[in-house]
Amino acid sequence: MTTLKNIADKLGVSITTVSRVLNYDKSLSVSDVLRKRIINQASKMNYKTPRNRVKINSNNKYKIAIIHWYDLKQENDDPYYVQMRRGIQELAQKSNFETVLIYKNDGNYRVLESDKLDGIICIGKFLSFHIKRFKKLTRNIVFVDSSPNEDIYDSVVIDFNNAVKSVLVALIKKKYRTIGYIGGSEYIGSSLSLGERRELVFRDYLYQKNMLKTQYIHIGSFTSASGYRLMKEALEKSSKAQVYFCANDAIALGALRAINEKGLNVPKDIAIIGFNDNPTSSYTSPPLSSVHVYTKFMGEQSLKSLVERIEGRDIPIKKIVPTKLVFRETLK
């Protein structure tokens, strides 16, 4: 049986590159020529995608609720969570599972006991009283992008600590000495603000390096409009950072617009790097450097964990998914 390693060895590329090309990962920055070579070589060697990557092998048909901490409009504005949800739904469809999609509505989630759910996947962050309510419906609950209680629930998260540190290490290696941050605040409900994880790691790491410049930290919301406003404010100050790390790609897009309107050049005058690596990020002007998060894969893994819990696994598991730096033209 042909493996990914066989194809990679034949072409002299990495296994990761082969895997991402054959899984049609459009965020991968490789030439069309190399994509074609990999696909043709896989066909020539009669490579078959493993069955467990196509669907979940189960003799049962389950009914699963996907509960989103956003409302529908918020989700539409954030590809990060859209891709997680799609990963769950697409794998569920292939596996012949029924899904019920529930969005936040006026701060609440309409989940009925009559739905008779086999399990729940929660995307995002939730208040404890919401989680208690979900637990009354089923003991099979998996969280994506949060891990409220690792002793009870399965979860799928990324390693924010390593993700942010990898950005800062790369920027310092590229000789950037003043590093700014443009981020946002996260809220559960109407008033409970969360300490934003990227910002916390950013501050701590640069403080340890004696490189933290708090005047270059700007906090608003996770939107392009906020990124635009905050970058305009930053550009009005007497000094600016050489590079700005943006907490997501939406913020980075707004920041890019503000820089362009000021008549400055990216990356010559100011460099930018985002986070999430949205599908459109390689098409900005100039193409945006970013941290690629395997959001769809996270959704798929959450469904696999949930099925294991439904079918009898009692020990909770926390899956930590790595990220990958994607360098494009917004960095020198």
C-alpha atoms as a PDB file:
ATOM      1  CA  MET A   1       0.000   0.000   0.000  1.00  0.00           C
ATOM      2  CA  THR A   2       1.364   3.415  -0.989  1.00  0.00           C
ATOM      3  CA  THR A   3       1.870   5.824   1.898  1.00  0.00           C
ATOM      4  CA  LEU A   4       2.327   9.593   2.105  1.00  0.00           C
ATOM      5  CA  LYS A   5       5.998   8.947   2.907  1.00  0.00           C
ATOM      6  CA  ASN A   6       6.432   6.978  -0.332  1.00  0.00           C
ATOM      7  CA  ILE A   7       5.121   9.932  -2.347  1.00  0.00           C
ATOM      8  CA  ALA A   8       7.169  12.455  -0.354  1.00  0.00           C
ATOM      9  CA  ASP A   9      10.388  10.448  -0.810  1.00  0.00           C
ATOM     10  CA  LYS A  10       9.763  10.090  -4.531  1.00  0.00           C
ATOM     11  CA  LEU A  11       9.370  13.857  -5.013  1.00  0.00           C
ATOM     12  CA  GLY A  12      11.842  15.033  -2.382  1.00  0.00           C
ATOM     13  CA  VAL A  13       9.283  17.015  -0.384  1.00  0.00           C
ATOM     14  CA  SER A  14       7.938  16.765   3.168  1.00  0.00           C
ATOM     15  CA  ILE A  15       5.174  14.377   4.222  1.00  0.00           C
ATOM     16  CA  THR A  16       3.243  17.380   5.565  1.00  0.00           C
ATOM     17  CA  THR A  17       3.301  19.071   2.150  1.00  0.00           C
ATOM     18  CA  VAL A  18       2.035  15.914   0.432  1.00  0.00           C
ATOM     19  CA  SER A  19      -0.718  15.473   3.013  1.00  0.00           C
ATOM     20  CA  ARG A  20      -1.936  19.054   2.759  1.00  0.00           C
ATOM     21  CA  VAL A  21      -1.925  19.047  -1.048  1.00  0.00           C
ATOM     22  CA  LEU A  22      -3.878  15.772  -1.225  1.00  0.00           C
ATOM     23  CA  ASN A  23      -6.361  17.163   1.301  1.00  0.00           C
ATOM     24  CA  TYR A  24      -6.791  20.273  -0.860  1.00  0.00           C
ATOM     25  CA  ASP A  25      -5.500  22.675   1.789  1.00  0.00           C
ATOM     26  CA  LYS A  26      -5.720  25.958  -0.149  1.00  0.00           C
ATOM     27  CA  SER A  27      -3.823  27.799   2.589  1.00  0.00           C
ATOM     28  CA  LEU A  28      -0.637  25.892   1.723  1.00  0.00           C
ATOM     29  CA  SER A  29       1.820  28.187  -0.070  1.00  0.00           C
ATOM     30  CA  VAL A  30       3.237  25.970  -2.830  1.00  0.00           C
ATOM     31  CA  SER A  31       3.392  26.437  -6.590  1.00  0.00           C
ATOM     32  CA  ASP A  32       0.711  25.065  -8.888  1.00  0.00           C
ATOM     33  CA  VAL A  33       3.445  23.025 -10.566  1.00  0.00           C
ATOM     34  CA  LEU A  34       4.324  21.252  -7.317  1.00  0.00           C
ATOM     35  CA  ARG A  35       0.640  20.672  -6.495  1.00  0.00           C
ATOM     36  CA  LYS A  36       0.162  19.017  -9.883  1.00  0.00           C
ATOM     37  CA  ARG A  37       3.305  16.879  -9.469  1.00  0.00           C
ATOM     38  CA  ILE A  38       2.113  15.612  -6.081  1.00  0.00           C
ATOM     39  CA  ILE A  39      -1.407  14.815  -7.313  1.00  0.00           C
ATOM     40  CA  ASN A  40      -0.076  13.084 -10.435  1.00  0.00           C
ATOM     41  CA  GLN A  41       2.465  11.088  -8.435  1.00  0.00           C
ATOM     42  CA  ALA A  42      -0.219   9.974  -5.970  1.00  0.00           C
ATOM     43  CA  SER A  43      -2.378   8.831  -8.868  1.00  0.00           C
ATOM     44  CA  LYS A  44       0.551   7.047 -10.533  1.00  0.00           C
ATOM     45  CA  MET A  45       1.368   5.210  -7.285  1.00  0.00           C
ATOM     46  CA  ASN A  46      -2.333   4.373  -6.747  1.00  0.00           C
ATOM     47  CA  TYR A  47      -2.498   6.179  -3.403  1.00  0.00           C
ATOM     48  CA  LYS A  48      -5.758   5.677  -1.530  1.00  0.00           C
ATOM     49  CA  THR A  49      -6.945   8.014   1.244  1.00  0.00           C
ATOM     50  CA  PRO A  50      -7.268   6.005   4.510  1.00  0.00           C
ATOM     51  CA  ARG A  51     -10.872   5.163   5.311  1.00  0.00           C
ATOM     52  CA  ASN A  52     -10.763   6.727   8.757  1.00  0.00           C
ATOM     53  CA  ARG A  53     -10.072  10.092   7.161  1.00  0.00           C
ATOM     54  CA  VAL A  54     -13.205   9.827   5.019  1.00  0.00           C
ATOM     55  CA  LYS A  55     -15.730   8.951   7.688  1.00  0.00           C
ATOM     56  CA  ILE A  56     -16.091   7.608  11.211  1.00  0.00           C
ATOM     57  CA  ASN A  57     -16.662   3.879  11.165  1.00  0.00           C
ATOM     58  CA  SER A  58     -19.614   3.234  13.438  1.00  0.00           C
ATOM     59  CA  ASN A  59     -22.565   0.892  13.215  1.00  0.00           C
ATOM     60  CA  ASN A  60     -24.794   3.485  14.864  1.00  0.00           C
ATOM     61  CA  LYS A  61     -26.501   6.639  13.654  1.00  0.00           C
ATOM     62  CA  TYR A  62     -26.150   9.392  16.234  1.00  0.00           C
ATOM     63  CA  LYS A  63     -27.939  12.682  16.760  1.00  0.00           C
ATOM     64  CA  ILE A  64     -25.485  15.394  17.740  1.00  0.00           C
ATOM     65  CA  ALA A  65     -26.000  19.041  18.655  1.00  0.00           C
ATOM     66  CA  ILE A  66     -23.397  21.615  17.616  1.00  0.00           C
ATOM     67  CA  ILE A  67     -23.738  24.543  20.021  1.00  0.00           C
ATOM     68  CA  HIS A  68     -22.019  27.746  18.926  1.00  0.00           C
ATOM     69  CA  TRP A  69     -21.079  30.457  21.413  1.00  0.00           C
ATOM     70  CA  TYR A  70     -21.666  33.024  18.644  1.00  0.00           C
ATOM     71  CA  ASP A  71     -24.909  34.108  17.049  1.00  0.00           C
ATOM     72  CA  LEU A  72     -25.291  33.587  13.288  1.00  0.00           C
ATOM     73  CA  LYS A  73     -24.053  37.061  12.314  1.00  0.00           C
ATOM     74  CA  GLN A  74     -20.974  36.809  14.517  1.00  0.00           C
ATOM     75  CA  GLU A  75     -20.092  33.435  13.026  1.00  0.00           C
ATOM     76  CA  ASN A  76     -20.453  34.743   9.475  1.00  0.00           C
ATOM     77  CA  ASP A  77     -17.919  37.454  10.339  1.00  0.00           C
ATOM     78  CA  ASP A  78     -15.365  34.976  11.690  1.00  0.00           C
ATOM     79  CA  PRO A  79     -13.996  32.234   9.350  1.00  0.00           C
ATOM     80  CA  TYR A  80     -12.098  30.760  12.323  1.00  0.00           C
ATOM     81  CA  TYR A  81     -15.268  29.287  13.809  1.00  0.00           C
ATOM     82  CA  VAL A  82     -17.000  28.711  10.474  1.00  0.00           C
ATOM     83  CA  GLN A  83     -14.286  26.233   9.501  1.00  0.00           C
ATOM     84  CA  MET A  84     -14.531  24.385  12.824  1.00  0.00           C
ATOM     85  CA  ARG A  85     -18.270  23.981  12.365  1.00  0.00           C
ATOM     86  CA  ARG A  86     -17.853  22.825   8.769  1.00  0.00           C
ATOM     87  CA  GLY A  87     -15.295  20.238   9.831  1.00  0.00           C
ATOM     88  CA  ILE A  88     -17.844  18.754  12.239  1.00  0.00           C
ATOM     89  CA  GLN A  89     -20.786  18.858   9.850  1.00  0.00           C
ATOM     90  CA  GLU A  90     -18.980  17.466   6.820  1.00  0.00           C
ATOM     91  CA  LEU A  91     -17.531  14.521   8.729  1.00  0.00           C
ATOM     92  CA  ALA A  92     -20.908  13.893  10.384  1.00  0.00           C
ATOM     93  CA  GLN A  93     -22.617  13.818   7.000  1.00  0.00           C
ATOM     94  CA  LYS A  94     -20.090  11.325   5.629  1.00  0.00           C
ATOM     95  CA  SER A  95     -20.575   9.197   8.751  1.00  0.00           C
ATOM     96  CA  ASN A  96     -24.382   9.249   8.457  1.00  0.00           C
ATOM     97  CA  PHE A  97     -24.878  11.189  11.703  1.00  0.00           C
ATOM     98  CA  GLU A  98     -27.628  13.751  12.226  1.00  0.00           C
ATOM     99  CA  THR A  99     -26.565  17.208  13.410  1.00  0.00           C
ATOM    100  CA  VAL A 100     -28.584  19.975  15.039  1.00  0.00           C
ATOM    101  CA  LEU A 101     -27.006  23.441  14.831  1.00  0.00           C
ATOM    102  CA  ILE A 102     -27.741  25.801  17.736  1.00  0.00           C
ATOM    103  CA  TYR A 103     -26.590  29.427  17.826  1.00  0.00           C
ATOM    104  CA  LYS A 104     -26.618  31.875  20.703  1.00  0.00           C
ATOM    105  CA  ASN A 105     -29.876  33.822  20.811  1.00  0.00           C
ATOM    106  CA  ASP A 106     -30.147  36.761  23.248  1.00  0.00           C
ATOM    107  CA  GLY A 107     -27.420  35.210  25.398  1.00  0.00           C
ATOM    108  CA  ASN A 108     -29.091  31.790  25.581  1.00  0.00           C
ATOM    109  CA  TYR A 109     -29.118  28.495  23.712  1.00  0.00           C
ATOM    110  CA  ARG A 110     -32.370  26.815  22.759  1.00  0.00           C
ATOM    111  CA  VAL A 111     -31.717  23.163  23.559  1.00  0.00           C
ATOM    112  CA  LEU A 112     -34.725  20.990  24.344  1.00  0.00           C
ATOM    113  CA  GLU A 113     -34.798  17.746  26.314  1.00  0.00           C
ATOM    114  CA  SER A 114     -37.159  16.411  23.661  1.00  0.00           C
ATOM    115  CA  ASP A 115     -34.293  16.560  21.139  1.00  0.00           C
ATOM    116  CA  LYS A 116     -32.949  13.289  22.640  1.00  0.00           C
ATOM    117  CA  LEU A 117     -29.333  13.970  21.813  1.00  0.00           C
ATOM    118  CA  ASP A 118     -26.556  11.394  21.864  1.00  0.00           C
ATOM    119  CA  GLY A 119     -23.928  14.074  22.379  1.00  0.00           C
ATOM    120  CA  ILE A 120     -23.045  17.755  22.162  1.00  0.00           C
ATOM    121  CA  ILE A 121     -20.081  19.598  20.643  1.00  0.00           C
ATOM    122  CA  CYS A 122     -19.603  23.108  22.059  1.00  0.00           C
ATOM    123  CA  ILE A 123     -17.674  25.552  19.849  1.00  0.00           C
ATOM    124  CA  GLY A 124     -16.158  28.443  21.811  1.00  0.00           C
ATOM    125  CA  LYS A 125     -16.452  29.501  25.454  1.00  0.00           C
ATOM    126  CA  PHE A 126     -19.461  29.072  27.708  1.00  0.00           C
ATOM    127  CA  LEU A 127     -20.641  30.157  31.146  1.00  0.00           C
ATOM    128  CA  SER A 128     -20.747  27.466  33.828  1.00  0.00           C
ATOM    129  CA  PHE A 129     -24.528  27.588  34.161  1.00  0.00           C
ATOM    130  CA  HIS A 130     -24.881  26.927  30.418  1.00  0.00           C
ATOM    131  CA  ILE A 131     -22.563  23.930  30.697  1.00  0.00           C
ATOM    132  CA  LYS A 132     -24.562  22.559  33.632  1.00  0.00           C
ATOM    133  CA  ARG A 133     -27.692  22.822  31.526  1.00  0.00           C
ATOM    134  CA  PHE A 134     -26.059  20.986  28.619  1.00  0.00           C
ATOM    135  CA  LYS A 135     -24.900  18.253  30.990  1.00  0.00           C
ATOM    136  CA  LYS A 136     -28.525  17.568  31.970  1.00  0.00           C
ATOM    137  CA  LEU A 137     -29.223  16.645  28.349  1.00  0.00           C
ATOM    138  CA  THR A 138     -26.251  14.308  27.870  1.00  0.00           C
ATOM    139  CA  ARG A 139     -23.040  13.407  29.638  1.00  0.00           C
ATOM    140  CA  ASN A 140     -21.279  13.204  26.260  1.00  0.00           C
ATOM    141  CA  ILE A 141     -19.914  16.714  25.677  1.00  0.00           C
ATOM    142  CA  VAL A 142     -16.810  17.841  23.796  1.00  0.00           C
ATOM    143  CA  PHE A 143     -15.460  21.409  23.674  1.00  0.00           C
ATOM    144  CA  VAL A 144     -13.617  22.973  20.736  1.00  0.00           C
ATOM    145  CA  ASP A 145     -11.369  26.023  21.307  1.00  0.00           C
ATOM    146  CA  SER A 146     -11.832  25.859  25.068  1.00  0.00           C
ATOM    147  CA  SER A 147     -11.248  23.364  27.842  1.00  0.00           C
ATOM    148  CA  PRO A 148     -13.464  24.265  30.830  1.00  0.00           C
ATOM    149  CA  ASN A 149     -12.797  21.121  32.876  1.00  0.00           C
ATOM    150  CA  GLU A 150     -10.196  18.623  31.707  1.00  0.00           C
ATOM    151  CA  ASP A 151     -11.188  16.162  34.444  1.00  0.00           C
ATOM    152  CA  ILE A 152     -14.690  15.805  32.999  1.00  0.00           C
ATOM    153  CA  TYR A 153     -14.884  16.833  29.350  1.00  0.00           C
ATOM    154  CA  ASP A 154     -12.995  16.079  26.161  1.00  0.00           C
ATOM    155  CA  SER A 155     -11.609  19.126  24.380  1.00  0.00           C
ATOM    156  CA  VAL A 156      -9.763  20.115  21.219  1.00  0.00           C
ATOM    157  CA  VAL A 157      -7.602  23.250  21.437  1.00  0.00           C
ATOM    158  CA  ILE A 158      -4.523  24.808  19.925  1.00  0.00           C
ATOM    159  CA  ASP A 159      -1.357  25.541  21.863  1.00  0.00           C
ATOM    160  CA  PHE A 160      -1.616  29.342  22.072  1.00  0.00           C
ATOM    161  CA  ASN A 161       1.550  29.504  24.129  1.00  0.00           C
ATOM    162  CA  ASN A 162       3.746  27.884  21.477  1.00  0.00           C
ATOM    163  CA  ALA A 163       1.861  29.552  18.615  1.00  0.00           C
ATOM    164  CA  VAL A 164       2.512  33.074  19.894  1.00  0.00           C
ATOM    165  CA  LYS A 165       6.069  32.306  20.976  1.00  0.00           C
ATOM    166  CA  SER A 166       6.864  30.933  17.513  1.00  0.00           C
ATOM    167  CA  VAL A 167       5.718  34.238  15.996  1.00  0.00           C
ATOM    168  CA  LEU A 168       7.854  36.288  18.371  1.00  0.00           C
ATOM    169  CA  VAL A 169      10.912  34.062  17.910  1.00  0.00           C
ATOM    170  CA  ALA A 170      10.558  34.439  14.135  1.00  0.00           C
ATOM    171  CA  LEU A 171      10.158  38.216  14.320  1.00  0.00           C
ATOM    172  CA  ILE A 172      13.198  38.607  16.562  1.00  0.00           C
ATOM    173  CA  LYS A 173      15.188  36.356  14.224  1.00  0.00           C
ATOM    174  CA  LYS A 174      14.175  38.666  11.381  1.00  0.00           C
ATOM    175  CA  LYS A 175      15.784  41.545  13.345  1.00  0.00           C
ATOM    176  CA  TYR A 176      12.581  43.307  14.391  1.00  0.00           C
ATOM    177  CA  ARG A 177      13.338  45.111  17.653  1.00  0.00           C
ATOM    178  CA  THR A 178      10.067  46.942  18.336  1.00  0.00           C
ATOM    179  CA  ILE A 179       7.070  44.616  18.158  1.00  0.00           C
ATOM    180  CA  GLY A 180       3.523  45.865  18.548  1.00  0.00           C
ATOM    181  CA  TYR A 181       0.288  44.016  19.192  1.00  0.00           C
ATOM    182  CA  ILE A 182      -3.257  44.719  18.001  1.00  0.00           C
ATOM    183  CA  GLY A 183      -5.865  42.527  19.664  1.00  0.00           C
ATOM    184  CA  GLY A 184      -9.308  42.360  21.167  1.00  0.00           C
ATOM    185  CA  SER A 185     -11.231  41.410  24.289  1.00  0.00           C
ATOM    186  CA  GLU A 186     -13.349  38.272  24.456  1.00  0.00           C
ATOM    187  CA  TYR A 187     -16.663  38.236  26.296  1.00  0.00           C
ATOM    188  CA  ILE A 188     -18.873  35.423  27.571  1.00  0.00           C
ATOM    189  CA  GLY A 189     -22.378  36.734  27.941  1.00  0.00           C
ATOM    190  CA  SER A 190     -22.774  40.495  28.079  1.00  0.00           C
ATOM    191  CA  SER A 191     -20.170  41.456  30.649  1.00  0.00           C
ATOM    192  CA  LEU A 192     -17.665  38.713  31.569  1.00  0.00           C
ATOM    193  CA  SER A 193     -14.384  39.608  29.864  1.00  0.00           C
ATOM    194  CA  LEU A 194     -11.723  36.968  29.323  1.00  0.00           C
ATOM    195  CA  GLY A 195      -7.996  37.580  29.482  1.00  0.00           C
ATOM    196  CA  GLU A 196      -7.065  37.185  25.814  1.00  0.00           C
ATOM    197  CA  ARG A 197      -4.582  34.355  25.550  1.00  0.00           C
ATOM    198  CA  ARG A 198      -2.498  35.701  22.683  1.00  0.00           C
ATOM    199  CA  GLU A 199      -1.988  39.029  24.421  1.00  0.00           C
ATOM    200  CA  LEU A 200      -1.022  37.396  27.717  1.00  0.00           C
ATOM    201  CA  VAL A 201       1.653  35.236  26.070  1.00  0.00           C
ATOM    202  CA  PHE A 202       2.829  38.204  23.970  1.00  0.00           C
ATOM    203  CA  ARG A 203       3.316  40.380  27.040  1.00  0.00           C
ATOM    204  CA  ASP A 204       5.007  37.681  29.105  1.00  0.00           C
ATOM    205  CA  TYR A 205       7.462  36.551  26.430  1.00  0.00           C
ATOM    206  CA  LEU A 206       8.614  40.038  25.448  1.00  0.00           C
ATOM    207  CA  TYR A 207       8.834  41.065  29.111  1.00  0.00           C
ATOM    208  CA  GLN A 208      11.174  38.135  29.742  1.00  0.00           C
ATOM    209  CA  LYS A 209      13.273  39.298  26.767  1.00  0.00           C
ATOM    210  CA  ASN A 210      13.252  42.904  28.051  1.00  0.00           C
ATOM    211  CA  MET A 211      11.581  43.894  24.759  1.00  0.00           C
ATOM    212  CA  LEU A 212       8.039  44.721  25.914  1.00  0.00           C
ATOM    213  CA  LYS A 213       6.876  48.169  24.803  1.00  0.00           C
ATOM    214  CA  THR A 214       3.350  48.643  26.154  1.00  0.00           C
ATOM    215  CA  GLN A 215       2.841  51.837  24.142  1.00  0.00           C
ATOM    216  CA  TYR A 216       2.647  49.618  21.051  1.00  0.00           C
ATOM    217  CA  ILE A 217      -0.169  47.434  22.430  1.00  0.00           C
ATOM    218  CA  HIS A 218      -3.671  48.360  21.227  1.00  0.00           C
ATOM    219  CA  ILE A 219      -6.820  46.492  22.284  1.00  0.00           C
ATOM    220  CA  GLY A 220     -10.286  46.734  20.727  1.00  0.00           C
ATOM    221  CA  SER A 221     -12.373  43.940  19.232  1.00  0.00           C
ATOM    222  CA  PHE A 222     -11.718  41.066  16.835  1.00  0.00           C
ATOM    223  CA  THR A 223     -12.986  42.862  13.724  1.00  0.00           C
ATOM    224  CA  SER A 224     -11.514  44.527  10.657  1.00  0.00           C
ATOM    225  CA  ALA A 225     -13.149  47.808  11.692  1.00  0.00           C
ATOM    226  CA  SER A 226     -11.357  47.664  15.041  1.00  0.00           C
ATOM    227  CA  GLY A 227      -8.028  46.805  13.401  1.00  0.00           C
ATOM    228  CA  TYR A 228      -8.462  49.766  11.049  1.00  0.00           C
ATOM    229  CA  ARG A 229      -9.312  52.166  13.878  1.00  0.00           C
ATOM    230  CA  LEU A 230      -6.523  50.997  16.186  1.00  0.00           C
ATOM    231  CA  MET A 231      -3.880  51.137  13.477  1.00  0.00           C
ATOM    232  CA  LYS A 232      -4.976  54.652  12.500  1.00  0.00           C
ATOM    233  CA  GLU A 233      -4.565  55.664  16.141  1.00  0.00           C
ATOM    234  CA  ALA A 234      -1.140  54.004  16.281  1.00  0.00           C
ATOM    235  CA  LEU A 235      -0.005  55.862  13.163  1.00  0.00           C
ATOM    236  CA  GLU A 236      -0.946  59.214  14.723  1.00  0.00           C
ATOM    237  CA  LYS A 237       1.512  58.702  17.564  1.00  0.00           C
ATOM    238  CA  SER A 238       5.054  60.069  17.496  1.00  0.00           C
ATOM    239  CA  SER A 239       6.557  56.596  17.212  1.00  0.00           C
ATOM    240  CA  LYS A 240       5.355  53.252  15.907  1.00  0.00           C
ATOM    241  CA  ALA A 241       6.539  49.656  16.088  1.00  0.00           C
ATOM    242  CA  GLN A 242       8.488  48.078  13.232  1.00  0.00           C
ATOM    243  CA  VAL A 243       6.035  45.174  13.096  1.00  0.00           C
ATOM    244  CA  TYR A 244       2.545  44.538  14.475  1.00  0.00           C
ATOM    245  CA  PHE A 245       1.294  41.099  15.484  1.00  0.00           C
ATOM    246  CA  CYS A 246      -2.483  41.044  15.002  1.00  0.00           C
ATOM    247  CA  ALA A 247      -4.617  38.661  17.067  1.00  0.00           C
ATOM    248  CA  ASN A 248      -6.543  37.508  13.993  1.00  0.00           C
ATOM    249  CA  ASP A 249      -6.544  38.054  10.243  1.00  0.00           C
ATOM    250  CA  ALA A 250      -9.631  40.281  10.359  1.00  0.00           C
ATOM    251  CA  ILE A 251      -7.755  42.769  12.543  1.00  0.00           C
ATOM    252  CA  ALA A 252      -4.750  42.526  10.221  1.00  0.00           C
ATOM    253  CA  LEU A 253      -6.889  43.346   7.171  1.00  0.00           C
ATOM    254  CA  GLY A 254      -8.165  46.505   8.852  1.00  0.00           C
ATOM    255  CA  ALA A 255      -4.628  47.441   9.858  1.00  0.00           C
ATOM    256  CA  LEU A 256      -3.394  46.963   6.286  1.00  0.00           C
ATOM    257  CA  ARG A 257      -6.049  49.335   5.001  1.00  0.00           C
ATOM    258  CA  ALA A 258      -5.083  52.022   7.524  1.00  0.00           C
ATOM    259  CA  ILE A 259      -1.410  51.703   6.578  1.00  0.00           C
ATOM    260  CA  ASN A 260      -2.172  51.916   2.859  1.00  0.00           C
ATOM    261  CA  GLU A 261      -4.337  55.006   3.372  1.00  0.00           C
ATOM    262  CA  LYS A 262      -1.458  56.659   5.211  1.00  0.00           C
ATOM    263  CA  GLY A 263       0.705  56.125   2.140  1.00  0.00           C
ATOM    264  CA  LEU A 264       3.112  53.789   3.929  1.00  0.00           C
ATOM    265  CA  ASN A 265       4.594  50.617   2.514  1.00  0.00           C
ATOM    266  CA  VAL A 266       4.110  47.130   3.920  1.00  0.00           C
ATOM    267  CA  PRO A 267       6.536  45.641   4.897  1.00  0.00           C
ATOM    268  CA  LYS A 268       9.159  48.361   4.236  1.00  0.00           C
ATOM    269  CA  ASP A 269       7.677  50.942   6.618  1.00  0.00           C
ATOM    270  CA  ILE A 270       5.574  48.674   8.826  1.00  0.00           C
ATOM    271  CA  ALA A 271       5.357  44.871   8.800  1.00  0.00           C
ATOM    272  CA  ILE A 272       2.239  42.880   9.702  1.00  0.00           C
ATOM    273  CA  ILE A 273       1.477  39.298  10.732  1.00  0.00           C
ATOM    274  CA  GLY A 274      -1.958  37.895  11.488  1.00  0.00           C
ATOM    275  CA  PHE A 275      -3.367  34.828  13.191  1.00  0.00           C
ATOM    276  CA  ASN A 276      -5.710  32.071  11.861  1.00  0.00           C
ATOM    277  CA  ASP A 277      -4.612  32.225   8.190  1.00  0.00           C
ATOM    278  CA  ASN A 278      -8.091  32.644   6.758  1.00  0.00           C
ATOM    279  CA  PRO A 279      -8.659  31.366   3.191  1.00  0.00           C
ATOM    280  CA  THR A 280      -8.571  34.939   1.834  1.00  0.00           C
ATOM    281  CA  SER A 281      -5.353  35.952   3.572  1.00  0.00           C
ATOM    282  CA  SER A 282      -3.098  34.899   0.695  1.00  0.00           C
ATOM    283  CA  TYR A 283      -5.048  37.238  -1.615  1.00  0.00           C
ATOM    284  CA  THR A 284      -4.586  40.511   0.298  1.00  0.00           C
ATOM    285  CA  SER A 285      -2.310  43.221  -1.053  1.00  0.00           C
ATOM    286  CA  PRO A 286       0.357  42.380  -0.150  1.00  0.00           C
ATOM    287  CA  PRO A 287      -0.384  38.728   0.810  1.00  0.00           C
ATOM    288  CA  LEU A 288      -0.660  38.430   4.590  1.00  0.00           C
ATOM    289  CA  SER A 289       1.776  36.465   6.747  1.00  0.00           C
ATOM    290  CA  SER A 290      -0.179  34.556   9.377  1.00  0.00           C
ATOM    291  CA  VAL A 291      -0.334  31.663  11.815  1.00  0.00           C
ATOM    292  CA  HIS A 292      -2.188  28.802  10.181  1.00  0.00           C
ATOM    293  CA  VAL A 293      -4.673  27.077  12.502  1.00  0.00           C
ATOM    294  CA  TYR A 294      -6.063  23.706  11.408  1.00  0.00           C
ATOM    295  CA  THR A 295      -9.617  24.719  12.266  1.00  0.00           C
ATOM    296  CA  LYS A 296     -11.441  22.186  10.098  1.00  0.00           C
ATOM    297  CA  PHE A 297      -9.263  19.400  11.488  1.00  0.00           C
ATOM    298  CA  MET A 298     -10.117  20.571  15.016  1.00  0.00           C
ATOM    299  CA  GLY A 299     -13.811  20.172  14.194  1.00  0.00           C
ATOM    300  CA  GLU A 300     -13.244  16.689  12.801  1.00  0.00           C
ATOM    301  CA  GLN A 301     -11.276  15.648  15.870  1.00  0.00           C
ATOM    302  CA  SER A 302     -14.016  16.895  18.184  1.00  0.00           C
ATOM    303  CA  LEU A 303     -16.552  14.646  16.451  1.00  0.00           C
ATOM    304  CA  LYS A 304     -14.211  11.656  16.664  1.00  0.00           C
ATOM    305  CA  SER A 305     -13.754  12.274  20.384  1.00  0.00           C
ATOM    306  CA  LEU A 306     -17.498  12.596  20.901  1.00  0.00           C
ATOM    307  CA  VAL A 307     -18.229   9.280  19.186  1.00  0.00           C
ATOM    308  CA  GLU A 308     -15.629   7.588  21.391  1.00  0.00           C
ATOM    309  CA  ARG A 309     -17.347   9.013  24.487  1.00  0.00           C
ATOM    310  CA  ILE A 310     -20.788   7.937  23.262  1.00  0.00           C
ATOM    311  CA  GLU A 311     -19.473   4.438  22.616  1.00  0.00           C
ATOM    312  CA  GLY A 312     -18.070   4.007  26.083  1.00  0.00           C
ATOM    313  CA  ARG A 313     -14.764   5.779  26.698  1.00  0.00           C
ATOM    314  CA  ASP A 314     -14.890   7.241  30.230  1.00  0.00           C
ATOM    315  CA  ILE A 315     -11.455   8.863  30.464  1.00  0.00           C
ATOM    316  CA  PRO A 316     -11.497  12.481  29.176  1.00  0.00           C
ATOM    317  CA  ILE A 317      -8.927  13.439  26.550  1.00  0.00           C
ATOM    318  CA  LYS A 318      -7.567  16.878  25.660  1.00  0.00           C
ATOM    319  CA  LYS A 319      -6.258  17.113  22.098  1.00  0.00           C
ATOM    320  CA  ILE A 320      -3.755  19.902  21.418  1.00  0.00           C
ATOM    321  CA  VAL A 321      -3.453  20.728  17.714  1.00  0.00           C
ATOM    322  CA  PRO A 322      -0.264  22.428  16.468  1.00  0.00           C
ATOM    323  CA  THR A 323      -0.147  25.576  14.342  1.00  0.00           C
ATOM    324  CA  LYS A 324       2.129  26.590  11.468  1.00  0.00           C
ATOM    325  CA  LEU A 325       3.730  29.914  10.551  1.00  0.00           C
ATOM    326  CA  VAL A 326       3.002  30.976   6.972  1.00  0.00           C
ATOM    327  CA  PHE A 327       5.359  33.681   5.717  1.00  0.00           C
ATOM    328  CA  ARG A 328       4.098  35.901   2.933  1.00  0.00           C
ATOM    329  CA  GLU A 329       4.889  39.416   1.746  1.00  0.00           C
ATOM    330  CA  THR A 330       3.791  41.472   4.778  1.00  0.00           C
ATOM    331  CA  LEU A 331       7.079  40.582   6.522  1.00  0.00           C
ATOM    332  CA  LYS A 332      10.568  41.425   5.310  1.00  0.00           C
END
